[in-house]
Amino acid sequence: MPTLDALNQASHGDFVAALGAVFEHAPWVAEAAAAQRPFSTVEALLAALQEAVDAAPEAARHALLTNHPKLAGRGAHAGTIAPDSIAEQAAAGLDRLSEAEDARFAALNAAYGRTFGFPFILCVKRHGRASLLRTFQARLAADPESERRTALAEVFRIAALRLGTLVSGPGAPRVTGRISTHVLDTVAGRPAPGIPVELHEWVSETETVLVARTVTNADGRTDAPLIGGRPVPVAAYELRFRIGDHFRATCPGLPEPPFLDIVTLRFGVADPEGHYHVPLVASPWSYQTYRGS
């Protein structure tokens, strides 16, 4: 990962080589920003890249949109699109679609292309699959000018994420969120260690995908966030806490089967860069939760 200081001192060619892929197939953006050096923060570098796009001729901005790959399109399946795009689409599960989902994306891509003349562009790392499809469908109803602005804003979101993982330095753009949790035993009045915890994303009303599996530590927390270091995809999630064995061990004489064995908490994430702390406060007979910090 190059540092901001190194990029400020790099040759013009090395600067463009390092940042040329931040905007899809558009090294001219980095070429234009190179003349604005030095940058005091990574955010200032991002702003210069965005200003280069804003100042470009309309034909160049339109090409920036048309050069983006289709979501779950042939290029993604064949692995012929840019490496960053392949990784981003794979992270959203677009390389593992069912036949029905693949057909739906093909129909949406065709309808969008006919309507707007460029591919549907979305920062897929900020969306779960259900949110992605919902957004795709909704944007088909937009007017051409507002949709062009929306697509360009998504290009900027993608660029911010790529730059944030590519360059280290002060003033990094805010491009990551997290989901965390802890478990409190209200009978003992202390954190509950050793609780198995799973985080699932709801893909549909009948399908969930396991995101993370861990166990609470001595502080009743997890050693690392359940999601962290990246945007939290907009989606419905479910936390599953296996508290039955904990209360069997700490509260002898409880009936079998226990009143509470696996507690599930379903919640929604609407801010991919937000911190969602979703704790469980429990006894053998009751539980509660809240959005904490």
Protein backbone atom coordinates (compact mmCIF):
# COMPACT_ATOMS: atom_id res chain seq x y z
CA MET A 1 0.00 0.00 0.00
CA PRO A 2 1.66 3.28 -1.07
CA THR A 3 1.66 6.13 1.40
CA LEU A 4 0.27 9.55 0.59
CA ASP A 5 3.76 11.02 1.07
CA ALA A 6 5.19 8.56 -1.44
CA LEU A 7 2.53 9.46 -4.00
CA ASN A 8 3.18 13.16 -3.48
CA GLN A 9 6.85 12.60 -4.32
CA ALA A 10 6.38 10.01 -7.08
CA SER A 11 7.01 10.71 -10.73
CA HIS A 12 3.98 11.57 -12.86
CA GLY A 13 4.07 8.12 -14.44
CA ASP A 14 4.33 6.27 -11.12
CA PHE A 15 1.48 8.33 -9.66
CA VAL A 16 -0.77 7.44 -12.60
CA ALA A 17 0.29 3.79 -12.48
CA ALA A 18 -0.61 3.58 -8.77
CA LEU A 19 -4.02 5.27 -9.09
CA GLY A 20 -5.01 4.62 -12.69
CA ALA A 21 -7.52 1.90 -11.79
CA VAL A 22 -9.34 3.88 -9.08
CA PHE A 23 -11.75 4.99 -11.82
CA GLU A 24 -12.68 2.11 -14.16
CA HIS A 25 -10.62 2.21 -17.39
CA ALA A 26 -9.96 5.94 -16.87
CA PRO A 27 -6.29 6.64 -16.03
CA TRP A 28 -6.88 10.16 -17.37
CA VAL A 29 -8.48 11.01 -14.01
CA ALA A 30 -5.25 10.28 -12.13
CA GLU A 31 -3.27 12.11 -14.81
CA ALA A 32 -5.35 15.25 -14.27
CA ALA A 33 -5.06 15.05 -10.46
CA ALA A 34 -1.29 14.53 -10.51
CA ALA A 35 -0.74 18.21 -11.27
CA GLN A 36 -2.54 19.20 -8.04
CA ARG A 37 0.09 17.66 -5.75
CA PRO A 38 1.03 17.73 -2.93
CA PHE A 39 -2.06 16.54 -1.03
CA SER A 40 -2.24 16.96 2.72
CA THR A 41 -4.83 14.21 3.25
CA VAL A 42 -6.20 11.20 1.41
CA GLU A 43 -9.57 12.98 1.35
CA ALA A 44 -7.92 15.90 -0.47
CA LEU A 45 -6.53 13.45 -3.03
CA LEU A 46 -10.00 11.95 -3.49
CA ALA A 47 -11.48 15.43 -3.93
CA ALA A 48 -8.91 16.22 -6.62
CA LEU A 49 -9.78 13.03 -8.48
CA GLN A 50 -13.48 13.86 -8.33
CA GLU A 51 -12.85 17.44 -9.45
CA ALA A 52 -10.94 16.08 -12.45
CA VAL A 53 -14.05 14.12 -13.44
CA ASP A 54 -16.34 17.12 -12.89
CA ALA A 55 -14.10 19.33 -15.05
CA ALA A 56 -13.82 16.81 -17.89
CA PRO A 57 -15.81 17.17 -21.12
CA GLU A 58 -19.22 15.56 -21.15
CA ALA A 59 -18.03 12.91 -23.60
CA ALA A 60 -15.32 11.79 -21.15
CA ARG A 61 -17.79 11.58 -18.26
CA HIS A 62 -20.19 9.59 -20.42
CA ALA A 63 -17.37 7.20 -21.37
CA LEU A 64 -16.60 6.80 -17.67
CA LEU A 65 -20.14 5.46 -17.23
CA THR A 66 -20.25 3.31 -20.37
CA ASN A 67 -16.90 1.67 -19.53
CA HIS A 68 -18.24 0.25 -16.26
CA PRO A 69 -19.05 -3.48 -16.40
CA LYS A 70 -22.58 -4.79 -16.06
CA LEU A 71 -23.47 -6.33 -12.71
CA ALA A 72 -23.39 -10.11 -13.08
CA GLY A 73 -22.86 -9.63 -16.80
CA ARG A 74 -20.89 -11.82 -19.21
CA GLY A 75 -17.63 -10.05 -18.40
CA ALA A 76 -18.04 -10.83 -14.70
CA HIS A 77 -18.77 -14.49 -15.43
CA ALA A 78 -15.83 -14.79 -17.83
CA GLY A 79 -13.42 -12.91 -15.57
CA THR A 80 -12.58 -10.42 -18.32
CA ILE A 81 -13.50 -7.24 -16.44
CA ALA A 82 -11.07 -5.23 -14.28
CA PRO A 83 -9.69 -7.14 -11.25
CA ASP A 84 -11.19 -4.66 -8.78
CA SER A 85 -14.62 -5.11 -10.35
CA ILE A 86 -14.29 -8.90 -10.24
CA ALA A 87 -13.48 -8.77 -6.51
CA GLU A 88 -16.25 -6.27 -5.75
CA GLN A 89 -18.92 -8.28 -7.56
CA ALA A 90 -17.72 -11.52 -5.96
CA ALA A 91 -17.91 -9.93 -2.49
CA ALA A 92 -21.60 -9.23 -3.16
CA GLY A 93 -22.18 -12.84 -4.21
CA LEU A 94 -22.81 -11.95 -7.85
CA ASP A 95 -20.58 -14.82 -8.96
CA ARG A 96 -22.82 -17.31 -7.15
CA LEU A 97 -26.29 -16.52 -8.48
CA SER A 98 -28.99 -19.09 -9.05
CA GLU A 99 -30.35 -19.53 -12.57
CA ALA A 100 -33.42 -17.48 -11.63
CA GLU A 101 -31.32 -14.66 -10.16
CA ASP A 102 -29.00 -14.71 -13.17
CA ALA A 103 -32.01 -14.39 -15.49
CA ARG A 104 -33.39 -11.51 -13.43
CA PHE A 105 -30.10 -9.62 -13.59
CA ALA A 106 -29.92 -10.20 -17.34
CA ALA A 107 -33.42 -8.76 -17.77
CA LEU A 108 -32.66 -5.76 -15.54
CA ASN A 109 -29.36 -5.08 -17.32
CA ALA A 110 -31.09 -5.18 -20.71
CA ALA A 111 -33.92 -2.88 -19.60
CA TYR A 112 -31.52 -0.42 -17.97
CA GLY A 113 -29.23 -0.29 -20.99
CA ARG A 114 -32.15 0.39 -23.33
CA THR A 115 -33.41 3.18 -21.06
CA PHE A 116 -30.21 5.02 -20.18
CA GLY A 117 -27.50 3.95 -22.64
CA PHE A 118 -24.92 2.90 -20.05
CA PRO A 119 -24.63 0.02 -17.54
CA PHE A 120 -26.29 0.13 -14.13
CA ILE A 121 -23.62 1.31 -11.68
CA LEU A 122 -23.82 0.68 -7.94
CA CYS A 123 -21.18 0.46 -5.23
CA VAL A 124 -22.03 -3.19 -4.59
CA LYS A 125 -19.88 -3.44 -1.46
CA ARG A 126 -22.45 -1.20 0.27
CA HIS A 127 -25.42 -3.47 -0.53
CA GLY A 128 -26.67 -6.93 0.27
CA ARG A 129 -28.18 -8.87 -2.62
CA ALA A 130 -31.79 -8.01 -1.76
CA SER A 131 -30.94 -4.30 -1.45
CA LEU A 132 -29.01 -4.42 -4.71
CA LEU A 133 -31.96 -5.87 -6.63
CA ARG A 134 -34.41 -3.48 -4.95
CA THR A 135 -32.24 -0.48 -5.86
CA PHE A 136 -31.74 -1.74 -9.42
CA GLN A 137 -35.51 -2.02 -9.93
CA ALA A 138 -36.24 1.39 -8.36
CA ARG A 139 -33.66 3.26 -10.44
CA LEU A 140 -35.21 2.02 -13.68
CA ALA A 141 -38.02 4.52 -13.04
CA ALA A 142 -35.69 7.54 -12.77
CA ASP A 143 -35.50 10.27 -15.40
CA PRO A 144 -32.33 10.15 -17.54
CA GLU A 145 -30.62 13.25 -16.13
CA SER A 146 -31.12 12.39 -12.46
CA GLU A 147 -30.05 8.80 -13.15
CA ARG A 148 -26.88 10.02 -14.82
CA ARG A 149 -26.09 12.04 -11.68
CA THR A 150 -26.86 9.04 -9.48
CA ALA A 151 -24.63 6.77 -11.55
CA LEU A 152 -21.76 9.27 -11.35
CA ALA A 153 -22.21 9.52 -7.57
CA GLU A 154 -21.90 5.73 -7.38
CA VAL A 155 -18.71 5.92 -9.45
CA PHE A 156 -17.36 8.30 -6.82
CA ARG A 157 -18.37 5.90 -4.02
CA ILE A 158 -16.55 3.05 -5.75
CA ALA A 159 -13.49 5.26 -6.24
CA ALA A 160 -13.50 6.26 -2.55
CA LEU A 161 -13.53 2.62 -1.48
CA ARG A 162 -10.75 1.69 -3.89
CA LEU A 163 -8.64 4.65 -2.83
CA GLY A 164 -9.22 3.88 0.87
CA THR A 165 -7.80 0.37 0.43
CA LEU A 166 -5.00 1.53 -1.86
CA VAL A 167 -3.44 4.54 -0.13
CA SER A 168 -2.46 5.00 3.52
CA GLY A 169 -2.10 8.39 5.11
CA PRO A 170 -3.83 11.05 7.20
CA GLY A 171 -7.41 12.11 6.58
CA ALA A 172 -8.63 8.88 5.03
CA PRO A 173 -12.20 8.98 3.68
CA ARG A 174 -14.86 7.31 5.83
CA VAL A 175 -15.67 4.18 3.85
CA THR A 176 -16.07 1.44 6.46
CA GLY A 177 -18.64 0.47 9.08
CA ARG A 178 -19.02 -2.38 11.55
CA ILE A 179 -21.36 -4.70 13.38
CA SER A 180 -20.42 -5.66 16.93
CA THR A 181 -22.12 -7.22 19.93
CA HIS A 182 -21.74 -8.25 23.56
CA VAL A 183 -23.73 -10.47 25.93
CA LEU A 184 -24.66 -9.53 29.51
CA ASP A 185 -25.95 -12.09 32.02
CA THR A 186 -28.48 -10.20 34.18
CA VAL A 187 -28.69 -13.03 36.74
CA ALA A 188 -24.98 -12.81 37.55
CA GLY A 189 -24.77 -9.10 36.73
CA ARG A 190 -21.68 -9.56 34.57
CA PRO A 191 -20.62 -10.30 30.98
CA ALA A 192 -21.35 -13.78 29.65
CA PRO A 193 -18.25 -15.54 28.24
CA GLY A 194 -18.22 -18.52 25.92
CA ILE A 195 -21.51 -17.75 24.13
CA PRO A 196 -21.50 -19.00 20.51
CA VAL A 197 -22.67 -16.19 18.22
CA GLU A 198 -23.57 -16.28 14.53
CA LEU A 199 -24.37 -13.40 12.18
CA HIS A 200 -26.52 -14.16 9.14
CA GLU A 201 -27.61 -11.93 6.27
CA TRP A 202 -31.16 -12.36 5.00
CA VAL A 203 -31.04 -12.76 1.22
CA SER A 204 -34.76 -13.47 1.01
CA GLU A 205 -37.56 -14.50 3.36
CA THR A 206 -36.48 -18.12 2.92
CA GLU A 207 -32.69 -17.82 2.52
CA THR A 208 -29.95 -16.59 4.82
CA VAL A 209 -26.18 -16.56 4.38
CA LEU A 210 -23.74 -17.07 7.26
CA VAL A 211 -21.52 -13.99 7.57
CA ALA A 212 -19.58 -14.67 10.77
CA ARG A 213 -19.33 -17.23 13.57
CA THR A 214 -17.51 -16.57 16.84
CA VAL A 215 -17.63 -16.97 20.65
CA THR A 216 -17.78 -14.24 23.30
CA ASN A 217 -14.62 -13.66 25.32
CA ALA A 218 -14.17 -13.00 29.05
CA ASP A 219 -15.67 -9.52 28.60
CA GLY A 220 -18.77 -10.93 26.90
CA ARG A 221 -17.63 -9.37 23.63
CA THR A 222 -16.14 -10.76 20.46
CA ASP A 223 -12.43 -10.41 19.80
CA ALA A 224 -13.15 -8.64 16.50
CA PRO A 225 -16.24 -7.02 14.99
CA LEU A 226 -18.60 -9.40 13.22
CA ILE A 227 -18.22 -7.12 10.21
CA GLY A 228 -15.45 -4.53 10.15
CA GLY A 229 -12.88 -2.89 7.92
CA ARG A 230 -15.37 -2.55 5.05
CA PRO A 231 -18.83 -1.12 4.43
CA VAL A 232 -21.65 -3.03 6.11
CA PRO A 233 -23.92 -4.05 3.22
CA VAL A 234 -27.43 -2.60 3.39
CA ALA A 235 -29.48 -5.63 4.37
CA ALA A 236 -31.54 -7.35 7.04
CA TYR A 237 -29.38 -9.35 9.46
CA GLU A 238 -29.95 -11.87 12.21
CA LEU A 239 -27.77 -12.48 15.25
CA ARG A 240 -28.11 -15.92 16.85
CA PHE A 241 -26.92 -16.38 20.44
CA ARG A 242 -26.71 -19.91 21.88
CA ILE A 243 -27.27 -19.02 25.54
CA GLY A 244 -28.81 -22.32 26.69
CA ASP A 245 -25.57 -24.02 27.75
CA HIS A 246 -24.40 -20.90 29.59
CA PHE A 247 -27.47 -20.84 31.83
CA ARG A 248 -27.43 -24.63 32.26
CA ALA A 249 -23.93 -24.24 33.74
CA THR A 250 -24.60 -21.12 35.83
CA CYS A 251 -28.20 -21.69 36.96
CA PRO A 252 -28.52 -25.34 38.09
CA GLY A 253 -32.00 -26.80 38.24
CA LEU A 254 -33.49 -25.07 35.20
CA PRO A 255 -36.12 -27.16 33.41
CA GLU A 256 -35.42 -28.99 30.18
CA PRO A 257 -35.80 -27.95 27.47
CA PRO A 258 -34.82 -24.44 28.53
CA PHE A 259 -37.25 -21.59 28.01
CA LEU A 260 -34.53 -19.74 26.05
CA ASP A 261 -31.92 -21.78 24.21
CA ILE A 262 -31.09 -19.88 21.00
CA VAL A 263 -32.01 -16.19 20.97
CA THR A 264 -32.34 -14.55 17.56
CA LEU A 265 -32.25 -10.80 16.95
CA ARG A 266 -33.23 -9.54 13.52
CA PHE A 267 -32.25 -5.98 12.60
CA GLY A 268 -31.68 -3.83 9.54
CA VAL A 269 -28.64 -1.87 8.38
CA ALA A 270 -29.32 1.27 6.33
CA ASP A 271 -25.98 3.11 6.79
CA PRO A 272 -23.04 1.10 5.37
CA GLU A 273 -20.53 3.36 7.10
CA GLY A 274 -22.31 3.26 10.47
CA HIS A 275 -21.46 1.37 13.67
CA TYR A 276 -24.21 -1.06 14.61
CA HIS A 277 -23.60 -2.41 18.11
CA VAL A 278 -26.35 -4.94 18.87
CA PRO A 279 -25.97 -6.37 22.39
CA LEU A 280 -27.96 -9.10 24.13
CA VAL A 281 -29.02 -8.61 27.76
CA ALA A 282 -30.43 -11.93 28.96
CA SER A 283 -31.59 -14.16 31.79
CA PRO A 284 -32.97 -17.72 31.50
CA TRP A 285 -36.45 -16.16 31.16
CA SER A 286 -36.09 -12.92 29.22
CA TYR A 287 -33.90 -10.84 26.96
CA GLN A 288 -33.65 -7.39 25.42
CA THR A 289 -31.51 -5.50 22.96
CA TYR A 290 -30.84 -1.96 21.74
CA ARG A 291 -28.56 -0.15 19.33
CA GLY A 292 -25.54 0.68 21.44
CA SER A 293 -22.15 2.27 20.87
